[in-house]
Amino acid sequence: MAALATALPGVEEGTKWNRRTWLVAGAGFCAIRPFSKADVKRFGDARVPGGTIASLATDDLAEKEAVLAAGHAGVFTIPHFDGHPAVLVELDVVDRSVFGELLEDAWLAKAPRALAATYLTREERR
C-alpha cells in the first residue's frame, strides 16, 4: 500500500490522528485505520474484518455509495463513517487492482486540481 500511495505525485507519508497517513497537499487521502473497541462491539455476531484496514477518501457521499454498491470484496463501511466521504478496505481481502483504483480515486479526491489535471493528462498518454 505504501509503495502505491507514494508513487502518486506530491504524496507525503505522515501521521494524522495517531495513524499512518498518506497526504497530498496536506490533505489525507489514505490511512491505516485500526478498529476501536467500540467499532468491534458494533459488529456484534458478524465477522470483524481482520488484518490491516485502510480508510480511503471518496470525492463525496454519492461516490462512497457507488463504491459500496459495486460490492467489491473487502470494501465496506462502519457506523463511525456514516456521513463521512470515505470507505474502509480490508487489505488482505480486496483485489489489488480494485485497491489501486480506489487509492487513485482517493488521491484525486484530495489532490489540488492542477496536480490532478496534470496527472490525468499524463495517464491518458500511457
N, C-alpha and C. Protein backbone atom coordinates (compact mmCIF):
# COMPACT_ATOMS: atom_id res chain seq x y z
N MET A 1 0.82 -1.19 0.00
CA MET A 1 0.00 0.00 0.00
C MET A 1 0.87 1.25 0.00
N ALA A 2 1.88 1.28 0.83
CA ALA A 2 2.73 2.46 0.92
C ALA A 2 3.39 2.77 -0.42
N ALA A 3 3.86 1.73 -1.10
CA ALA A 3 4.52 1.94 -2.39
C ALA A 3 3.55 2.50 -3.42
N LEU A 4 2.33 2.00 -3.44
CA LEU A 4 1.32 2.51 -4.37
C LEU A 4 0.98 3.96 -4.05
N ALA A 5 0.80 4.26 -2.78
CA ALA A 5 0.43 5.63 -2.38
C ALA A 5 1.53 6.62 -2.70
N THR A 6 2.76 6.28 -2.36
CA THR A 6 3.86 7.24 -2.56
C THR A 6 4.27 7.35 -4.02
N ALA A 7 3.78 6.46 -4.88
CA ALA A 7 4.06 6.57 -6.31
C ALA A 7 3.22 7.66 -6.96
N LEU A 8 2.17 8.08 -6.29
CA LEU A 8 1.33 9.16 -6.82
C LEU A 8 2.01 10.51 -6.58
N PRO A 9 1.81 11.47 -7.49
CA PRO A 9 2.50 12.76 -7.38
C PRO A 9 2.17 13.53 -6.10
N GLY A 10 3.20 14.13 -5.52
CA GLY A 10 3.02 15.04 -4.40
C GLY A 10 2.64 14.39 -3.08
N VAL A 11 2.79 13.08 -2.97
CA VAL A 11 2.36 12.38 -1.76
C VAL A 11 3.45 12.38 -0.71
N GLU A 12 3.03 12.64 0.50
CA GLU A 12 3.91 12.55 1.67
C GLU A 12 3.28 11.58 2.65
N GLU A 13 4.12 10.85 3.34
CA GLU A 13 3.63 9.98 4.41
C GLU A 13 3.77 10.71 5.72
N GLY A 14 2.77 10.62 6.54
CA GLY A 14 2.81 11.29 7.83
C GLY A 14 1.94 10.59 8.84
N THR A 15 1.61 11.32 9.89
CA THR A 15 0.75 10.79 10.94
C THR A 15 -0.37 11.79 11.17
N LYS A 16 -1.58 11.30 11.17
CA LYS A 16 -2.76 12.11 11.45
C LYS A 16 -3.66 11.28 12.35
N TRP A 17 -4.15 11.86 13.43
CA TRP A 17 -4.95 11.14 14.41
C TRP A 17 -4.20 9.90 14.92
N ASN A 18 -2.88 10.04 15.07
CA ASN A 18 -2.01 8.95 15.53
C ASN A 18 -2.04 7.73 14.62
N ARG A 19 -2.32 7.96 13.35
CA ARG A 19 -2.37 6.86 12.38
C ARG A 19 -1.46 7.18 11.21
N ARG A 20 -0.84 6.14 10.67
CA ARG A 20 -0.03 6.28 9.47
C ARG A 20 -0.95 6.74 8.35
N THR A 21 -0.59 7.87 7.73
CA THR A 21 -1.47 8.52 6.76
C THR A 21 -0.66 8.97 5.55
N TRP A 22 -1.30 8.92 4.39
CA TRP A 22 -0.70 9.44 3.17
C TRP A 22 -1.49 10.68 2.78
N LEU A 23 -0.74 11.75 2.48
CA LEU A 23 -1.35 13.06 2.24
C LEU A 23 -0.88 13.63 0.91
N VAL A 24 -1.73 14.44 0.30
CA VAL A 24 -1.36 15.21 -0.88
C VAL A 24 -1.77 16.65 -0.57
N ALA A 25 -0.81 17.55 -0.70
CA ALA A 25 -1.05 18.97 -0.38
C ALA A 25 -1.65 19.13 1.02
N GLY A 26 -1.19 18.31 1.94
CA GLY A 26 -1.62 18.39 3.33
C GLY A 26 -2.94 17.71 3.65
N ALA A 27 -3.61 17.18 2.63
CA ALA A 27 -4.91 16.53 2.83
C ALA A 27 -4.75 15.01 2.82
N GLY A 28 -5.22 14.37 3.87
CA GLY A 28 -5.13 12.91 3.95
C GLY A 28 -6.11 12.25 3.00
N PHE A 29 -5.61 11.25 2.26
CA PHE A 29 -6.48 10.51 1.35
C PHE A 29 -6.48 9.02 1.65
N CYS A 30 -5.54 8.56 2.43
CA CYS A 30 -5.43 7.15 2.79
C CYS A 30 -4.77 7.05 4.16
N ALA A 31 -5.30 6.16 4.99
CA ALA A 31 -4.72 5.98 6.33
C ALA A 31 -4.95 4.55 6.79
N ILE A 32 -4.07 4.10 7.65
CA ILE A 32 -4.29 2.83 8.33
C ILE A 32 -5.34 3.12 9.40
N ARG A 33 -6.37 2.28 9.47
CA ARG A 33 -7.49 2.58 10.36
C ARG A 33 -7.84 1.35 11.21
N PRO A 34 -7.10 1.15 12.31
CA PRO A 34 -7.47 0.03 13.19
C PRO A 34 -8.82 0.29 13.84
N PHE A 35 -9.49 -0.77 14.21
CA PHE A 35 -10.79 -0.63 14.87
C PHE A 35 -10.61 -0.33 16.34
N SER A 36 -11.47 0.54 16.85
CA SER A 36 -11.54 0.78 18.29
C SER A 36 -12.37 -0.33 18.92
N LYS A 37 -12.36 -0.41 20.24
CA LYS A 37 -13.20 -1.40 20.93
C LYS A 37 -14.67 -1.17 20.59
N ALA A 38 -15.08 0.08 20.50
CA ALA A 38 -16.47 0.40 20.15
C ALA A 38 -16.81 -0.07 18.74
N ASP A 39 -15.86 0.10 17.80
CA ASP A 39 -16.07 -0.38 16.44
C ASP A 39 -16.31 -1.89 16.44
N VAL A 40 -15.45 -2.61 17.14
CA VAL A 40 -15.54 -4.08 17.19
C VAL A 40 -16.87 -4.50 17.80
N LYS A 41 -17.27 -3.83 18.86
CA LYS A 41 -18.52 -4.16 19.54
C LYS A 41 -19.72 -4.01 18.60
N ARG A 42 -19.68 -3.01 17.73
CA ARG A 42 -20.79 -2.76 16.80
C ARG A 42 -20.97 -3.87 15.78
N PHE A 43 -19.94 -4.68 15.56
CA PHE A 43 -20.08 -5.80 14.63
C PHE A 43 -20.97 -6.90 15.19
N GLY A 44 -21.14 -6.91 16.51
CA GLY A 44 -21.99 -7.93 17.13
C GLY A 44 -21.49 -9.32 16.81
N ASP A 45 -22.37 -10.15 16.26
CA ASP A 45 -22.02 -11.53 15.91
C ASP A 45 -21.41 -11.64 14.52
N ALA A 46 -21.40 -10.56 13.76
CA ALA A 46 -20.84 -10.59 12.41
C ALA A 46 -19.31 -10.66 12.47
N ARG A 47 -18.72 -11.17 11.40
CA ARG A 47 -17.26 -11.27 11.32
C ARG A 47 -16.65 -9.86 11.33
N VAL A 48 -15.67 -9.68 12.18
CA VAL A 48 -14.92 -8.42 12.22
C VAL A 48 -13.81 -8.52 11.18
N PRO A 49 -13.77 -7.62 10.20
CA PRO A 49 -12.68 -7.67 9.22
C PRO A 49 -11.33 -7.67 9.92
N GLY A 50 -10.43 -8.48 9.41
CA GLY A 50 -9.13 -8.62 10.07
C GLY A 50 -7.99 -8.06 9.25
N GLY A 51 -6.81 -8.26 9.76
CA GLY A 51 -5.62 -7.76 9.07
C GLY A 51 -5.58 -6.25 9.07
N THR A 52 -4.86 -5.72 8.12
CA THR A 52 -4.72 -4.27 8.02
C THR A 52 -5.94 -3.68 7.31
N ILE A 53 -6.49 -2.65 7.92
CA ILE A 53 -7.64 -1.93 7.36
C ILE A 53 -7.17 -0.53 6.97
N ALA A 54 -7.50 -0.13 5.76
CA ALA A 54 -7.18 1.22 5.30
C ALA A 54 -8.47 2.00 5.10
N SER A 55 -8.43 3.28 5.41
CA SER A 55 -9.54 4.16 5.06
C SER A 55 -9.10 4.95 3.83
N LEU A 56 -10.01 5.05 2.87
CA LEU A 56 -9.73 5.77 1.63
C LEU A 56 -10.81 6.82 1.42
N ALA A 57 -10.38 8.03 1.12
CA ALA A 57 -11.32 9.11 0.86
C ALA A 57 -12.09 8.85 -0.43
N THR A 58 -13.32 9.34 -0.47
CA THR A 58 -14.08 9.39 -1.71
C THR A 58 -14.39 10.86 -1.98
N ASP A 59 -14.74 11.16 -3.20
CA ASP A 59 -14.98 12.56 -3.57
C ASP A 59 -16.16 13.14 -2.80
N ASP A 60 -17.18 12.32 -2.60
CA ASP A 60 -18.37 12.77 -1.86
C ASP A 60 -19.16 11.54 -1.43
N LEU A 61 -20.29 11.76 -0.79
CA LEU A 61 -21.08 10.64 -0.29
C LEU A 61 -21.70 9.83 -1.42
N ALA A 62 -22.00 10.46 -2.56
CA ALA A 62 -22.55 9.72 -3.70
C ALA A 62 -21.51 8.74 -4.23
N GLU A 63 -20.25 9.18 -4.31
CA GLU A 63 -19.19 8.26 -4.77
C GLU A 63 -19.02 7.13 -3.76
N LYS A 64 -19.07 7.46 -2.47
CA LYS A 64 -18.96 6.43 -1.44
C LYS A 64 -20.03 5.36 -1.65
N GLU A 65 -21.27 5.79 -1.85
CA GLU A 65 -22.38 4.84 -2.05
C GLU A 65 -22.17 4.02 -3.30
N ALA A 66 -21.65 4.63 -4.37
CA ALA A 66 -21.39 3.89 -5.61
C ALA A 66 -20.30 2.84 -5.41
N VAL A 67 -19.26 3.21 -4.68
CA VAL A 67 -18.17 2.26 -4.39
C VAL A 67 -18.71 1.08 -3.59
N LEU A 68 -19.49 1.37 -2.57
CA LEU A 68 -20.06 0.30 -1.75
C LEU A 68 -21.03 -0.56 -2.55
N ALA A 69 -21.82 0.07 -3.42
CA ALA A 69 -22.80 -0.67 -4.23
C ALA A 69 -22.13 -1.60 -5.23
N ALA A 70 -20.88 -1.30 -5.60
CA ALA A 70 -20.15 -2.17 -6.54
C ALA A 70 -19.91 -3.55 -5.94
N GLY A 71 -19.94 -3.65 -4.63
CA GLY A 71 -19.85 -4.95 -3.97
C GLY A 71 -18.49 -5.63 -4.02
N HIS A 72 -17.43 -4.86 -4.10
CA HIS A 72 -16.09 -5.45 -4.11
C HIS A 72 -15.78 -6.10 -2.77
N ALA A 73 -15.25 -7.31 -2.81
CA ALA A 73 -14.85 -8.00 -1.58
C ALA A 73 -13.83 -7.14 -0.84
N GLY A 74 -14.00 -7.02 0.46
CA GLY A 74 -13.05 -6.29 1.29
C GLY A 74 -13.29 -4.80 1.37
N VAL A 75 -14.33 -4.28 0.72
CA VAL A 75 -14.64 -2.85 0.75
C VAL A 75 -15.94 -2.68 1.52
N PHE A 76 -15.92 -1.84 2.55
CA PHE A 76 -17.07 -1.73 3.44
C PHE A 76 -17.05 -0.40 4.18
N THR A 77 -17.99 -0.22 5.05
CA THR A 77 -18.02 0.95 5.93
C THR A 77 -18.50 0.50 7.31
N ILE A 78 -18.44 1.40 8.25
CA ILE A 78 -18.92 1.14 9.61
C ILE A 78 -19.72 2.37 10.05
N PRO A 79 -20.54 2.23 11.08
CA PRO A 79 -21.35 3.37 11.53
C PRO A 79 -20.53 4.64 11.83
N HIS A 80 -19.31 4.48 12.32
CA HIS A 80 -18.46 5.63 12.62
C HIS A 80 -18.24 6.50 11.38
N PHE A 81 -18.32 5.91 10.19
CA PHE A 81 -18.08 6.62 8.94
C PHE A 81 -19.36 7.13 8.29
N ASP A 82 -20.50 6.95 8.94
CA ASP A 82 -21.76 7.48 8.40
C ASP A 82 -21.62 8.99 8.21
N GLY A 83 -21.99 9.46 7.03
CA GLY A 83 -21.91 10.89 6.72
C GLY A 83 -20.52 11.37 6.38
N HIS A 84 -19.55 10.47 6.32
CA HIS A 84 -18.17 10.83 6.01
C HIS A 84 -17.80 10.23 4.66
N PRO A 85 -17.25 11.02 3.74
CA PRO A 85 -16.92 10.51 2.41
C PRO A 85 -15.64 9.68 2.40
N ALA A 86 -15.76 8.44 2.84
CA ALA A 86 -14.63 7.52 2.86
C ALA A 86 -15.16 6.10 2.99
N VAL A 87 -14.37 5.16 2.50
CA VAL A 87 -14.68 3.74 2.66
C VAL A 87 -13.52 3.08 3.38
N LEU A 88 -13.78 1.90 3.90
CA LEU A 88 -12.74 1.09 4.53
C LEU A 88 -12.42 -0.08 3.63
N VAL A 89 -11.17 -0.51 3.67
CA VAL A 89 -10.71 -1.59 2.81
C VAL A 89 -9.91 -2.58 3.63
N GLU A 90 -10.31 -3.84 3.56
CA GLU A 90 -9.58 -4.93 4.21
C GLU A 90 -8.51 -5.38 3.22
N LEU A 91 -7.27 -4.99 3.48
CA LEU A 91 -6.20 -5.18 2.50
C LEU A 91 -5.91 -6.63 2.18
N ASP A 92 -6.14 -7.54 3.12
CA ASP A 92 -5.89 -8.96 2.86
C ASP A 92 -6.96 -9.58 1.96
N VAL A 93 -8.06 -8.88 1.74
CA VAL A 93 -9.19 -9.44 1.00
C VAL A 93 -9.39 -8.76 -0.35
N VAL A 94 -9.25 -7.46 -0.41
CA VAL A 94 -9.56 -6.71 -1.63
C VAL A 94 -8.62 -7.10 -2.77
N ASP A 95 -9.16 -7.14 -3.97
CA ASP A 95 -8.36 -7.39 -5.17
C ASP A 95 -7.38 -6.22 -5.33
N ARG A 96 -6.15 -6.53 -5.67
CA ARG A 96 -5.11 -5.50 -5.77
C ARG A 96 -5.47 -4.42 -6.79
N SER A 97 -6.04 -4.82 -7.92
CA SER A 97 -6.38 -3.82 -8.94
C SER A 97 -7.53 -2.92 -8.46
N VAL A 98 -8.47 -3.48 -7.73
CA VAL A 98 -9.56 -2.68 -7.15
C VAL A 98 -8.97 -1.69 -6.15
N PHE A 99 -8.06 -2.16 -5.31
CA PHE A 99 -7.44 -1.26 -4.34
C PHE A 99 -6.71 -0.13 -5.06
N GLY A 100 -5.97 -0.47 -6.11
CA GLY A 100 -5.24 0.55 -6.86
C GLY A 100 -6.16 1.63 -7.41
N GLU A 101 -7.31 1.22 -7.94
CA GLU A 101 -8.28 2.18 -8.47
C GLU A 101 -8.87 3.04 -7.36
N LEU A 102 -9.21 2.41 -6.25
CA LEU A 102 -9.77 3.17 -5.12
C LEU A 102 -8.75 4.14 -4.54
N LEU A 103 -7.49 3.72 -4.48
CA LEU A 103 -6.43 4.58 -3.97
C LEU A 103 -6.24 5.79 -4.89
N GLU A 104 -6.21 5.53 -6.19
CA GLU A 104 -6.07 6.63 -7.15
C GLU A 104 -7.25 7.59 -7.05
N ASP A 105 -8.46 7.05 -6.94
CA ASP A 105 -9.64 7.91 -6.79
C ASP A 105 -9.58 8.73 -5.50
N ALA A 106 -9.08 8.11 -4.43
CA ALA A 106 -8.93 8.83 -3.16
C ALA A 106 -7.95 9.99 -3.32
N TRP A 107 -6.84 9.72 -3.99
CA TRP A 107 -5.84 10.75 -4.25
C TRP A 107 -6.46 11.89 -5.07
N LEU A 108 -7.20 11.52 -6.14
CA LEU A 108 -7.84 12.53 -6.98
C LEU A 108 -8.85 13.37 -6.20
N ALA A 109 -9.50 12.76 -5.22
CA ALA A 109 -10.47 13.49 -4.41
C ALA A 109 -9.82 14.57 -3.56
N LYS A 110 -8.56 14.41 -3.23
CA LYS A 110 -7.88 15.35 -2.32
C LYS A 110 -6.78 16.18 -2.98
N ALA A 111 -6.32 15.77 -4.15
CA ALA A 111 -5.22 16.49 -4.82
C ALA A 111 -5.70 17.84 -5.33
N PRO A 112 -4.80 18.83 -5.34
CA PRO A 112 -5.14 20.12 -5.96
C PRO A 112 -5.53 19.90 -7.42
N ARG A 113 -6.47 20.70 -7.91
CA ARG A 113 -7.00 20.50 -9.26
C ARG A 113 -5.91 20.48 -10.34
N ALA A 114 -4.96 21.40 -10.25
CA ALA A 114 -3.91 21.46 -11.28
C ALA A 114 -3.06 20.20 -11.26
N LEU A 115 -2.70 19.72 -10.09
CA LEU A 115 -1.91 18.50 -9.98
C LEU A 115 -2.69 17.30 -10.51
N ALA A 116 -3.96 17.21 -10.17
CA ALA A 116 -4.80 16.12 -10.65
C ALA A 116 -4.94 16.17 -12.17
N ALA A 117 -5.12 17.36 -12.73
CA ALA A 117 -5.27 17.50 -14.18
C ALA A 117 -3.99 17.08 -14.90
N THR A 118 -2.84 17.49 -14.38
CA THR A 118 -1.57 17.10 -14.97
C THR A 118 -1.41 15.59 -14.92
N TYR A 119 -1.73 14.99 -13.80
CA TYR A 119 -1.63 13.54 -13.63
C TYR A 119 -2.54 12.82 -14.61
N LEU A 120 -3.79 13.25 -14.72
CA LEU A 120 -4.74 12.58 -15.61
C LEU A 120 -4.32 12.70 -17.07
N THR A 121 -3.78 13.86 -17.46
CA THR A 121 -3.29 14.04 -18.82
C THR A 121 -2.15 13.08 -19.10
N ARG A 122 -1.24 12.95 -18.15
CA ARG A 122 -0.10 12.04 -18.31
C ARG A 122 -0.59 10.59 -18.41
N GLU A 123 -1.56 10.21 -17.59
CA GLU A 123 -2.09 8.84 -17.60
C GLU A 123 -2.79 8.53 -18.92
N GLU A 124 -3.47 9.52 -19.51
CA GLU A 124 -4.15 9.30 -20.79
C GLU A 124 -3.17 9.02 -21.91
N ARG A 125 -1.97 9.55 -21.81
CA ARG A 125 -0.94 9.35 -22.84
C ARG A 125 -0.31 7.98 -22.76
N ARG A 126 -0.50 7.29 -21.66
CA ARG A 126 0.12 5.95 -21.50
C ARG A 126 -0.57 4.93 -22.34
